[in-house]
């Protein structure tokens, strides 16, 4: 708070990078159990078989919210992570 008072140009970033289990379950339900990567469409039998991902990446300021989240199969999430690094 002290730094923000004296440096108003600093923006506070969402420090909750990881989706909770409840959020991950909600993302899976929202996607009807299907991987949301473009062109994939793999069925995810349960929310535990998918991985939560930010649509607007967290490192670029994307928030950890249901609105900014999607569920991906493990292969698509690994592939996207590889392309982002």
Protein backbone atom coordinates (compact mmCIF):
# COMPACT_ATOMS: atom_id res chain seq x y z
CA UNK A 1 0.00 0.00 0.00
CA UNK A 2 2.87 2.35 0.82
CA UNK A 3 4.46 1.86 -2.61
CA UNK A 4 1.15 2.29 -4.39
CA UNK A 5 0.50 5.53 -2.55
CA UNK A 6 3.80 7.06 -3.67
CA UNK A 7 3.87 5.38 -7.10
CA UNK A 8 0.33 5.55 -8.51
CA UNK A 9 1.50 4.36 -11.95
CA UNK A 10 2.12 0.87 -10.53
CA UNK A 11 -0.68 -1.53 -11.33
CA UNK A 12 -1.44 -4.43 -9.05
CA UNK A 13 -1.43 -7.73 -10.92
CA UNK A 14 -3.66 -10.64 -9.99
CA UNK A 15 -1.28 -12.78 -7.94
CA UNK A 16 -3.50 -15.85 -8.20
CA UNK A 17 -2.01 -17.44 -11.34
CA UNK A 18 -3.37 -20.95 -10.87
CA UNK A 19 -7.03 -21.83 -11.26
CA UNK A 20 -8.63 -23.46 -8.22
CA UNK A 21 -10.20 -26.91 -8.45
CA UNK A 22 -13.66 -25.29 -8.41
CA UNK A 23 -12.71 -22.96 -11.26
CA UNK A 24 -11.24 -25.83 -13.25
CA UNK A 25 -14.44 -27.85 -12.75
CA UNK A 26 -16.50 -24.84 -13.89
CA UNK A 27 -14.34 -24.44 -17.01
CA UNK A 28 -14.85 -28.12 -17.85
CA UNK A 29 -18.62 -27.78 -17.40
CA UNK A 30 -18.69 -24.57 -19.46
CA UNK A 31 -16.86 -26.40 -22.28
CA UNK A 32 -19.22 -29.40 -22.05
CA UNK A 33 -16.19 -31.62 -21.36
CA UNK A 34 -14.41 -30.82 -24.63
CA UNK A 35 -10.89 -29.43 -25.15
CA UNK A 36 -11.19 -25.76 -26.13
CA UNK A 37 -8.01 -25.55 -28.23
CA UNK A 38 -8.83 -24.56 -31.81
CA UNK A 39 -9.25 -27.65 -33.96
CA UNK A 40 -8.94 -30.21 -31.16
CA UNK A 41 -12.34 -31.10 -29.72
CA UNK A 42 -11.02 -34.04 -27.68
CA UNK A 43 -13.51 -35.30 -25.11
CA UNK A 44 -12.30 -34.94 -21.52
CA UNK A 45 -14.02 -37.64 -19.44
CA UNK A 46 -13.70 -35.62 -16.23
CA UNK A 47 -12.52 -32.20 -15.13
CA UNK A 48 -9.41 -33.85 -13.64
CA UNK A 49 -8.23 -35.01 -17.09
CA UNK A 50 -8.09 -31.46 -18.47
CA UNK A 51 -5.86 -28.51 -17.70
CA UNK A 52 -7.04 -24.97 -17.06
CA UNK A 53 -5.51 -22.28 -19.27
CA UNK A 54 -5.77 -18.51 -19.56
CA UNK A 55 -7.20 -17.21 -22.85
CA UNK A 56 -5.39 -13.90 -22.33
CA UNK A 57 -2.17 -15.16 -20.81
CA UNK A 58 -1.49 -14.35 -17.17
CA UNK A 59 2.02 -13.11 -17.96
CA UNK A 60 0.47 -10.56 -20.33
CA UNK A 61 -1.99 -9.33 -17.71
CA UNK A 62 -4.80 -11.86 -18.19
CA UNK A 63 -6.81 -12.52 -15.05
CA UNK A 64 -7.46 -15.88 -13.44
CA UNK A 65 -11.22 -15.89 -13.93
CA UNK A 66 -13.81 -18.21 -15.44
CA UNK A 67 -14.39 -15.62 -18.17
CA UNK A 68 -10.69 -15.66 -19.10
CA UNK A 69 -10.22 -19.40 -18.71
CA UNK A 70 -10.62 -22.48 -20.84
CA UNK A 71 -10.10 -26.20 -20.39
CA UNK A 72 -7.57 -27.97 -22.59
CA UNK A 73 -6.39 -31.53 -23.01
CA UNK A 74 -2.86 -32.13 -21.72
CA UNK A 75 -1.39 -32.36 -25.26
CA UNK A 76 -2.87 -29.02 -26.38
CA UNK A 77 -1.82 -27.26 -23.17
CA UNK A 78 1.75 -28.57 -23.58
CA UNK A 79 1.77 -27.53 -27.24
CA UNK A 80 0.54 -24.01 -26.44
CA UNK A 81 3.06 -23.64 -23.61
CA UNK A 82 5.84 -24.68 -25.98
CA UNK A 83 4.82 -22.02 -28.52
CA UNK A 84 4.64 -19.30 -25.86
CA UNK A 85 8.14 -19.88 -24.49
